[in-house]
All heavy atoms as atom14 arrays in JSON, in Angstrom:
{
  "sequence": "VAAIALTLRRRPFTKYQKPEKQVAVRSADRLRVVKMSSEDRK",
  "atom14_mask": [
    [1, 1, 1, 1, 1, 1, 1, 0, 0, 0, 0, 0, 0, 0],
    [1, 1, 1, 1, 1, 0, 0, 0, 0, 0, 0, 0, 0, 0],
    [1, 1, 1, 1, 1, 0, 0, 0, 0, 0, 0, 0, 0, 0],
    [1, 1, 1, 1, 1, 1, 1, 1, 0, 0, 0, 0, 0, 0],
    [1, 1, 1, 1, 1, 0, 0, 0, 0, 0, 0, 0, 0, 0],
    [1, 1, 1, 1, 1, 1, 1, 1, 0, 0, 0, 0, 0, 0],
    [1, 1, 1, 1, 1, 1, 1, 0, 0, 0, 0, 0, 0, 0],
    [1, 1, 1, 1, 1, 1, 1, 1, 0, 0, 0, 0, 0, 0],
    [1, 1, 1, 1, 1, 1, 1, 1, 1, 1, 1, 0, 0, 0],
    [1, 1, 1, 1, 1, 1, 1, 1, 1, 1, 1, 0, 0, 0],
    [1, 1, 1, 1, 1, 1, 1, 1, 1, 1, 1, 0, 0, 0],
    [1, 1, 1, 1, 1, 1, 1, 0, 0, 0, 0, 0, 0, 0],
    [1, 1, 1, 1, 1, 1, 1, 1, 1, 1, 1, 0, 0, 0],
    [1, 1, 1, 1, 1, 1, 1, 0, 0, 0, 0, 0, 0, 0],
    [1, 1, 1, 1, 1, 1, 1, 1, 1, 0, 0, 0, 0, 0],
    [1, 1, 1, 1, 1, 1, 1, 1, 1, 1, 1, 1, 0, 0],
    [1, 1, 1, 1, 1, 1, 1, 1, 1, 0, 0, 0, 0, 0],
    [1, 1, 1, 1, 1, 1, 1, 1, 1, 0, 0, 0, 0, 0],
    [1, 1, 1, 1, 1, 1, 1, 0, 0, 0, 0, 0, 0, 0],
    [1, 1, 1, 1, 1, 1, 1, 1, 1, 0, 0, 0, 0, 0],
    [1, 1, 1, 1, 1, 1, 1, 1, 1, 0, 0, 0, 0, 0],
    [1, 1, 1, 1, 1, 1, 1, 1, 1, 0, 0, 0, 0, 0],
    [1, 1, 1, 1, 1, 1, 1, 0, 0, 0, 0, 0, 0, 0],
    [1, 1, 1, 1, 1, 0, 0, 0, 0, 0, 0, 0, 0, 0],
    [1, 1, 1, 1, 1, 1, 1, 0, 0, 0, 0, 0, 0, 0],
    [1, 1, 1, 1, 1, 1, 1, 1, 1, 1, 1, 0, 0, 0],
    [1, 1, 1, 1, 1, 1, 0, 0, 0, 0, 0, 0, 0, 0],
    [1, 1, 1, 1, 1, 0, 0, 0, 0, 0, 0, 0, 0, 0],
    [1, 1, 1, 1, 1, 1, 1, 1, 0, 0, 0, 0, 0, 0],
    [1, 1, 1, 1, 1, 1, 1, 1, 1, 1, 1, 0, 0, 0],
    [1, 1, 1, 1, 1, 1, 1, 1, 0, 0, 0, 0, 0, 0],
    [1, 1, 1, 1, 1, 1, 1, 1, 1, 1, 1, 0, 0, 0],
    [1, 1, 1, 1, 1, 1, 1, 0, 0, 0, 0, 0, 0, 0],
    [1, 1, 1, 1, 1, 1, 1, 0, 0, 0, 0, 0, 0, 0],
    [1, 1, 1, 1, 1, 1, 1, 1, 1, 0, 0, 0, 0, 0],
    [1, 1, 1, 1, 1, 1, 1, 1, 0, 0, 0, 0, 0, 0],
    [1, 1, 1, 1, 1, 1, 0, 0, 0, 0, 0, 0, 0, 0],
    [1, 1, 1, 1, 1, 1, 0, 0, 0, 0, 0, 0, 0, 0],
    [1, 1, 1, 1, 1, 1, 1, 1, 1, 0, 0, 0, 0, 0],
    [1, 1, 1, 1, 1, 1, 1, 1, 0, 0, 0, 0, 0, 0],
    [1, 1, 1, 1, 1, 1, 1, 1, 1, 1, 1, 0, 0, 0],
    [1, 1, 1, 1, 1, 1, 1, 1, 1, 0, 0, 0, 0, 0]
  ],
  "atom14_positions": [
    [[111.62, -242.03, 23.49], [112.02, -241.74, 22.08], [111.05, -242.59, 21.1], [110.58, -242.03, 20.04], [113.47, -242.06, 21.76], [113.77, -242.01, 20.3], [114.32, -241.02, 22.55], [0.0, 0.0, 0.0], [0.0, 0.0, 0.0], [0.0, 0.0, 0.0], [0.0, 0.0, 0.0], [0.0, 0.0, 0.0], [0.0, 0.0, 0.0], [0.0, 0.0, 0.0]],
    [[110.78, -243.85, 21.5], [109.92, -244.65, 20.64], [108.5, -244.1, 20.63], [107.89, -244.1, 19.59], [109.92, -246.12, 21.16], [0.0, 0.0, 0.0], [0.0, 0.0, 0.0], [0.0, 0.0, 0.0], [0.0, 0.0, 0.0], [0.0, 0.0, 0.0], [0.0, 0.0, 0.0], [0.0, 0.0, 0.0], [0.0, 0.0, 0.0], [0.0, 0.0, 0.0]],
    [[108.01, -243.69, 21.71], [106.63, -243.09, 21.82], [106.54, -241.79, 20.98], [105.61, -241.66, 20.21], [106.25, -242.73, 23.23], [0.0, 0.0, 0.0], [0.0, 0.0, 0.0], [0.0, 0.0, 0.0], [0.0, 0.0, 0.0], [0.0, 0.0, 0.0], [0.0, 0.0, 0.0], [0.0, 0.0, 0.0], [0.0, 0.0, 0.0], [0.0, 0.0, 0.0]],
    [[107.54, -240.99, 21.02], [107.52, -239.81, 20.09], [107.59, -240.16, 18.59], [106.96, -239.55, 17.81], [108.67, -238.83, 20.49], [108.43, -238.35, 21.97], [108.84, -237.66, 19.57], [109.61, -237.56, 22.54], [0.0, 0.0, 0.0], [0.0, 0.0, 0.0], [0.0, 0.0, 0.0], [0.0, 0.0, 0.0], [0.0, 0.0, 0.0], [0.0, 0.0, 0.0]],
    [[108.47, -241.19, 18.38], [108.51, -241.58, 16.93], [107.25, -242.15, 16.36], [106.82, -242.0, 15.18], [109.68, -242.55, 16.83], [0.0, 0.0, 0.0], [0.0, 0.0, 0.0], [0.0, 0.0, 0.0], [0.0, 0.0, 0.0], [0.0, 0.0, 0.0], [0.0, 0.0, 0.0], [0.0, 0.0, 0.0], [0.0, 0.0, 0.0], [0.0, 0.0, 0.0]],
    [[106.51, -242.87, 17.24], [105.25, -243.44, 16.85], [104.22, -242.39, 16.6], [103.31, -242.47, 15.69], [104.73, -244.43, 17.85], [105.43, -245.74, 17.99], [104.93, -246.54, 19.17], [105.22, -246.57, 16.61], [0.0, 0.0, 0.0], [0.0, 0.0, 0.0], [0.0, 0.0, 0.0], [0.0, 0.0, 0.0], [0.0, 0.0, 0.0], [0.0, 0.0, 0.0]],
    [[104.21, -241.34, 17.32], [103.23, -240.25, 17.19], [103.52, -239.34, 16.05], [102.63, -238.75, 15.42], [103.14, -239.3, 18.51], [104.41, -238.84, 18.71], [102.71, -240.14, 19.64], [0.0, 0.0, 0.0], [0.0, 0.0, 0.0], [0.0, 0.0, 0.0], [0.0, 0.0, 0.0], [0.0, 0.0, 0.0], [0.0, 0.0, 0.0], [0.0, 0.0, 0.0]],
    [[104.76, -239.31, 15.53], [105.18, -238.45, 14.49], [105.27, -239.16, 13.2], [105.81, -238.72, 12.24], [106.45, -237.81, 14.73], [106.6, -236.8, 15.93], [108.02, -236.33, 16.09], [105.64, -235.69, 15.59], [0.0, 0.0, 0.0], [0.0, 0.0, 0.0], [0.0, 0.0, 0.0], [0.0, 0.0, 0.0], [0.0, 0.0, 0.0], [0.0, 0.0, 0.0]],
    [[104.6, -240.36, 13.12], [104.61, -241.12, 11.88], [103.83, -240.4, 10.78], [102.87, -239.7, 11.1], [104.14, -242.52, 12.08], [102.64, -242.61, 12.22], [102.24, -244.06, 12.55], [100.84, -244.32, 12.36], [99.95, -243.99, 13.22], [100.17, -243.3, 14.31], [98.65, -244.22, 12.96], [0.0, 0.0, 0.0], [0.0, 0.0, 0.0], [0.0, 0.0, 0.0]],
    [[104.17, -240.61, 9.56], [103.52, -239.95, 8.43], [102.25, -240.73, 8.01], [102.33, -241.9, 7.81], [104.45, -239.76, 7.25], [105.65, -238.99, 7.56], [105.27, -237.45, 7.66], [106.34, -236.6, 7.97], [106.25, -235.27, 8.17], [105.07, -234.76, 8.12], [107.35, -234.56, 8.46], [0.0, 0.0, 0.0], [0.0, 0.0, 0.0], [0.0, 0.0, 0.0]],
    [[101.2, -240.02, 7.92], [99.97, -240.58, 7.35], [99.76, -240.12, 5.91], [99.95, -238.9, 5.54], [98.75, -240.16, 8.18], [98.82, -240.63, 9.61], [97.62, -240.18, 10.43], [97.61, -240.63, 11.83], [98.31, -240.15, 12.76], [99.0, -239.03, 12.58], [98.37, -240.56, 14.08], [0.0, 0.0, 0.0], [0.0, 0.0, 0.0], [0.0, 0.0, 0.0]],
    [[99.35, -241.05, 5.0], [99.32, -240.73, 3.59], [98.32, -239.6, 3.27], [98.57, -238.94, 2.24], [99.06, -242.02, 2.8], [98.33, -242.88, 3.95], [99.03, -242.49, 5.24], [0.0, 0.0, 0.0], [0.0, 0.0, 0.0], [0.0, 0.0, 0.0], [0.0, 0.0, 0.0], [0.0, 0.0, 0.0], [0.0, 0.0, 0.0], [0.0, 0.0, 0.0]],
    [[97.19, -239.56, 3.9], [96.21, -238.63, 3.54], [96.07, -237.36, 4.45], [95.02, -236.77, 4.54], [94.86, -239.37, 3.58], [94.77, -240.57, 2.66], [94.82, -241.9, 3.15], [94.67, -240.37, 1.24], [94.84, -242.96, 2.3], [94.62, -241.52, 0.46], [94.67, -242.79, 0.93], [0.0, 0.0, 0.0], [0.0, 0.0, 0.0], [0.0, 0.0, 0.0]],
    [[97.16, -237.07, 5.13], [97.1, -235.93, 6.08], [98.12, -234.88, 5.51], [99.25, -235.3, 5.19], [97.51, -236.38, 7.47], [96.7, -237.41, 7.94], [97.49, -235.17, 8.45], [0.0, 0.0, 0.0], [0.0, 0.0, 0.0], [0.0, 0.0, 0.0], [0.0, 0.0, 0.0], [0.0, 0.0, 0.0], [0.0, 0.0, 0.0], [0.0, 0.0, 0.0]],
    [[97.69, -233.66, 5.55], [98.55, -232.58, 5.08], [99.31, -232.04, 6.2], [98.78, -231.81, 7.3], [97.77, -231.49, 4.44], [97.02, -231.86, 3.18], [96.2, -230.69, 2.61], [95.55, -231.14, 1.23], [94.75, -229.99, 0.7], [0.0, 0.0, 0.0], [0.0, 0.0, 0.0], [0.0, 0.0, 0.0], [0.0, 0.0, 0.0], [0.0, 0.0, 0.0]],
    [[100.58, -231.82, 5.99], [101.47, -231.32, 7.02], [102.1, -229.99, 6.64], [102.36, -229.73, 5.4], [102.61, -232.36, 7.31], [102.17, -233.6, 7.92], [101.83, -234.71, 7.14], [102.08, -233.86, 9.27], [101.5, -235.85, 7.54], [101.62, -235.02, 9.81], [101.36, -236.12, 8.96], [100.98, -237.26, 9.41], [0.0, 0.0, 0.0], [0.0, 0.0, 0.0]],
    [[102.36, -229.13, 7.57], [103.05, -227.9, 7.39], [104.54, -228.14, 7.48], [104.96, -228.92, 8.39], [102.63, -226.86, 8.35], [101.24, -226.38, 8.12], [100.85, -225.13, 9.03], [101.55, -224.99, 9.98], [99.78, -224.51, 8.76], [0.0, 0.0, 0.0], [0.0, 0.0, 0.0], [0.0, 0.0, 0.0], [0.0, 0.0, 0.0], [0.0, 0.0, 0.0]],
    [[105.37, -227.47, 6.68], [106.7, -227.64, 6.73], [107.35, -226.18, 7.12], [107.46, -225.39, 6.21], [107.41, -228.1, 5.42], [106.91, -229.48, 5.09], [107.51, -229.94, 3.84], [107.06, -231.42, 3.56], [107.68, -231.97, 2.24], [0.0, 0.0, 0.0], [0.0, 0.0, 0.0], [0.0, 0.0, 0.0], [0.0, 0.0, 0.0], [0.0, 0.0, 0.0]],
    [[107.62, -225.94, 8.4], [108.1, -224.6, 8.78], [109.39, -224.2, 8.13], [109.55, -222.98, 7.82], [108.22, -224.74, 10.24], [107.41, -225.94, 10.61], [107.5, -226.88, 9.46], [0.0, 0.0, 0.0], [0.0, 0.0, 0.0], [0.0, 0.0, 0.0], [0.0, 0.0, 0.0], [0.0, 0.0, 0.0], [0.0, 0.0, 0.0], [0.0, 0.0, 0.0]],
    [[110.24, -225.13, 7.78], [111.51, -224.82, 7.17], [111.34, -224.15, 5.81], [112.03, -223.21, 5.43], [112.49, -225.86, 7.11], [112.06, -227.06, 6.27], [111.1, -227.98, 6.93], [110.69, -227.76, 8.0], [110.77, -229.08, 6.27], [0.0, 0.0, 0.0], [0.0, 0.0, 0.0], [0.0, 0.0, 0.0], [0.0, 0.0, 0.0], [0.0, 0.0, 0.0]],
    [[110.34, -224.64, 5.04], [110.0, -224.06, 3.72], [109.29, -222.79, 3.84], [109.38, -221.9, 2.95], [109.25, -225.07, 2.9], [110.03, -226.33, 2.49], [109.35, -227.27, 1.56], [110.15, -228.4, 1.06], [109.41, -229.23, 0.15], [0.0, 0.0, 0.0], [0.0, 0.0, 0.0], [0.0, 0.0, 0.0], [0.0, 0.0, 0.0], [0.0, 0.0, 0.0]],
    [[108.46, -222.67, 4.85], [107.67, -221.41, 5.09], [108.59, -220.28, 5.44], [108.38, -219.16, 4.93], [106.58, -221.6, 6.21], [105.51, -222.57, 5.77], [104.6, -222.95, 6.9], [104.83, -222.55, 8.05], [103.38, -223.43, 6.59], [0.0, 0.0, 0.0], [0.0, 0.0, 0.0], [0.0, 0.0, 0.0], [0.0, 0.0, 0.0], [0.0, 0.0, 0.0]],
    [[109.6, -220.53, 6.2], [110.49, -219.52, 6.62], [111.47, -219.09, 5.45], [111.7, -217.91, 5.24], [111.3, -219.92, 7.84], [112.48, -218.92, 8.17], [110.5, -220.14, 8.98], [0.0, 0.0, 0.0], [0.0, 0.0, 0.0], [0.0, 0.0, 0.0], [0.0, 0.0, 0.0], [0.0, 0.0, 0.0], [0.0, 0.0, 0.0], [0.0, 0.0, 0.0]],
    [[111.75, -220.09, 4.6], [112.72, -219.7, 3.57], [112.09, -219.22, 2.28], [112.74, -218.93, 1.24], [113.54, -220.99, 3.23], [0.0, 0.0, 0.0], [0.0, 0.0, 0.0], [0.0, 0.0, 0.0], [0.0, 0.0, 0.0], [0.0, 0.0, 0.0], [0.0, 0.0, 0.0], [0.0, 0.0, 0.0], [0.0, 0.0, 0.0], [0.0, 0.0, 0.0]],
    [[110.82, -219.02, 2.32], [110.05, -218.55, 1.11], [110.39, -217.14, 0.8], [110.75, -216.27, 1.8], [108.51, -218.77, 1.26], [107.96, -217.78, 2.31], [107.78, -218.62, -0.01], [0.0, 0.0, 0.0], [0.0, 0.0, 0.0], [0.0, 0.0, 0.0], [0.0, 0.0, 0.0], [0.0, 0.0, 0.0], [0.0, 0.0, 0.0], [0.0, 0.0, 0.0]],
    [[110.36, -216.71, -0.47], [110.7, -215.38, -0.99], [109.5, -214.81, -1.63], [108.42, -215.49, -1.97], [111.84, -215.46, -1.93], [113.15, -215.81, -1.34], [114.12, -215.9, -2.41], [113.77, -216.85, -3.54], [114.42, -217.0, -4.63], [115.55, -216.22, -4.84], [114.02, -217.84, -5.6], [0.0, 0.0, 0.0], [0.0, 0.0, 0.0], [0.0, 0.0, 0.0]],
    [[109.48, -213.48, -1.64], [108.39, -212.83, -2.26], [108.06, -213.15, -3.71], [106.9, -213.35, -4.16], [108.43, -211.29, -2.08], [109.59, -210.83, -2.79], [0.0, 0.0, 0.0], [0.0, 0.0, 0.0], [0.0, 0.0, 0.0], [0.0, 0.0, 0.0], [0.0, 0.0, 0.0], [0.0, 0.0, 0.0], [0.0, 0.0, 0.0], [0.0, 0.0, 0.0]],
    [[109.19, -213.43, -4.38], [109.12, -213.92, -5.76], [108.35, -215.15, -5.95], [107.81, -215.48, -7.06], [110.49, -213.9, -6.4], [0.0, 0.0, 0.0], [0.0, 0.0, 0.0], [0.0, 0.0, 0.0], [0.0, 0.0, 0.0], [0.0, 0.0, 0.0], [0.0, 0.0, 0.0], [0.0, 0.0, 0.0], [0.0, 0.0, 0.0], [0.0, 0.0, 0.0]],
    [[108.47, -216.02, -4.89], [107.78, -217.29, -5.0], [106.3, -217.3, -4.75], [105.61, -218.15, -5.18], [108.46, -218.33, -3.99], [109.93, -218.51, -4.22], [110.36, -218.44, -5.41], [110.68, -218.68, -3.19], [0.0, 0.0, 0.0], [0.0, 0.0, 0.0], [0.0, 0.0, 0.0], [0.0, 0.0, 0.0], [0.0, 0.0, 0.0], [0.0, 0.0, 0.0]],
    [[105.82, -216.2, -4.11], [104.47, -216.13, -3.8], [103.72, -215.12, -4.62], [102.45, -215.26, -4.86], [104.34, -215.62, -2.27], [104.93, -216.6, -1.34], [104.21, -217.89, -1.34], [104.63, -218.79, -0.23], [104.15, -220.0, 0.05], [103.23, -220.49, -0.75], [104.62, -220.75, 0.96], [0.0, 0.0, 0.0], [0.0, 0.0, 0.0], [0.0, 0.0, 0.0]],
    [[104.39, -214.11, -5.17], [103.69, -213.05, -5.84], [104.38, -212.76, -7.26], [105.61, -212.62, -7.26], [103.7, -211.79, -5.01], [103.07, -210.49, -5.6], [101.55, -210.7, -5.77], [103.27, -209.3, -4.8], [0.0, 0.0, 0.0], [0.0, 0.0, 0.0], [0.0, 0.0, 0.0], [0.0, 0.0, 0.0], [0.0, 0.0, 0.0], [0.0, 0.0, 0.0]],
    [[103.65, -212.66, -8.21], [104.12, -212.28, -9.52], [103.42, -211.01, -10.14], [102.12, -211.08, -10.11], [103.98, -213.51, -10.55], [104.62, -213.15, -11.86], [104.54, -214.37, -12.77], [103.14, -214.74, -13.06], [102.79, -215.67, -13.97], [103.65, -216.43, -14.43], [101.52, -215.88, -14.2], [0.0, 0.0, 0.0], [0.0, 0.0, 0.0], [0.0, 0.0, 0.0]],
    [[104.16, -210.01, -10.42], [103.55, -208.82, -10.88], [103.6, -208.86, -12.45], [104.64, -209.08, -13.08], [104.32, -207.49, -10.42], [103.62, -206.32, -10.94], [104.3, -207.54, -8.88], [0.0, 0.0, 0.0], [0.0, 0.0, 0.0], [0.0, 0.0, 0.0], [0.0, 0.0, 0.0], [0.0, 0.0, 0.0], [0.0, 0.0, 0.0], [0.0, 0.0, 0.0]],
    [[102.38, -208.77, -13.04], [102.29, -208.76, -14.43], [101.99, -207.41, -15.02], [100.88, -206.84, -14.53], [101.23, -209.8, -14.92], [101.05, -209.82, -16.4], [101.6, -211.19, -14.37], [0.0, 0.0, 0.0], [0.0, 0.0, 0.0], [0.0, 0.0, 0.0], [0.0, 0.0, 0.0], [0.0, 0.0, 0.0], [0.0, 0.0, 0.0], [0.0, 0.0, 0.0]],
    [[102.7, -206.91, -15.89], [102.3, -205.62, -16.59], [101.53, -205.87, -17.82], [102.08, -206.52, -18.72], [103.71, -204.85, -16.8], [104.5, -204.45, -15.6], [105.72, -203.57, -15.92], [106.45, -203.22, -14.64], [107.66, -202.48, -15.02], [0.0, 0.0, 0.0], [0.0, 0.0, 0.0], [0.0, 0.0, 0.0], [0.0, 0.0, 0.0], [0.0, 0.0, 0.0]],
    [[100.46, -205.23, -17.84], [99.59, -205.26, -19.09], [99.24, -203.9, -19.53], [99.1, -202.93, -18.74], [98.3, -206.02, -18.69], [98.54, -207.39, -18.18], [97.04, -208.31, -17.83], [96.2, -208.17, -19.4], [0.0, 0.0, 0.0], [0.0, 0.0, 0.0], [0.0, 0.0, 0.0], [0.0, 0.0, 0.0], [0.0, 0.0, 0.0], [0.0, 0.0, 0.0]],
    [[99.22, -203.81, -20.77], [98.9, -202.53, -21.41], [97.38, -202.21, -21.16], [96.49, -203.09, -21.18], [99.17, -202.41, -22.85], [98.59, -203.51, -23.54], [0.0, 0.0, 0.0], [0.0, 0.0, 0.0], [0.0, 0.0, 0.0], [0.0, 0.0, 0.0], [0.0, 0.0, 0.0], [0.0, 0.0, 0.0], [0.0, 0.0, 0.0], [0.0, 0.0, 0.0]],
    [[97.02, -200.93, -20.98], [95.59, -200.71, -20.74], [94.88, -200.72, -22.03], [95.4, -200.54, -23.08], [95.56, -199.29, -20.17], [96.09, -198.29, -21.02], [0.0, 0.0, 0.0], [0.0, 0.0, 0.0], [0.0, 0.0, 0.0], [0.0, 0.0, 0.0], [0.0, 0.0, 0.0], [0.0, 0.0, 0.0], [0.0, 0.0, 0.0], [0.0, 0.0, 0.0]],
    [[93.63, -201.05, -21.96], [92.76, -201.11, -23.09], [91.65, -200.17, -22.93], [91.11, -199.96, -21.91], [92.17, -202.54, -23.19], [93.18, -203.63, -23.47], [92.58, -205.01, -23.55], [91.43, -205.12, -23.44], [93.39, -205.96, -23.84], [0.0, 0.0, 0.0], [0.0, 0.0, 0.0], [0.0, 0.0, 0.0], [0.0, 0.0, 0.0], [0.0, 0.0, 0.0]],
    [[91.32, -199.54, -24.02], [90.25, -198.61, -24.06], [88.99, -199.23, -24.54], [88.87, -199.67, -25.78], [90.61, -197.39, -25.0], [89.53, -196.28, -24.82], [88.75, -196.37, -24.02], [89.57, -195.38, -25.77], [0.0, 0.0, 0.0], [0.0, 0.0, 0.0], [0.0, 0.0, 0.0], [0.0, 0.0, 0.0], [0.0, 0.0, 0.0], [0.0, 0.0, 0.0]],
    [[87.96, -199.5, -23.68], [86.75, -200.14, -24.02], [85.71, -199.09, -24.13], [85.49, -198.31, -23.27], [86.37, -201.18, -22.97], [87.37, -202.4, -23.01], [86.88, -203.42, -21.99], [87.73, -204.54, -21.98], [87.61, -205.64, -21.2], [86.53, -205.63, -20.41], [88.38, -206.59, -21.25], [0.0, 0.0, 0.0], [0.0, 0.0, 0.0], [0.0, 0.0, 0.0]],
    [[84.97, -199.1, -25.2], [83.86, -198.21, -25.41], [82.55, -198.92, -25.45], [82.52, -200.05, -26.0], [84.06, -197.43, -26.71], [85.38, -196.59, -26.7], [85.44, -195.75, -28.0], [86.6, -194.8, -28.0], [86.72, -194.17, -29.22], [0.0, 0.0, 0.0], [0.0, 0.0, 0.0], [0.0, 0.0, 0.0], [0.0, 0.0, 0.0], [0.0, 0.0, 0.0]]
  ]
}
């Protein structure tokens, strides 16, 4: 247990993935649909 705890220590300049947040994500959190009126350019 001590060896596993030492290997899983947090490093300040390393980016980590968080699977629990990746699984709980919703489409509204990732994608936003913006409706814009068309413009006529000549």
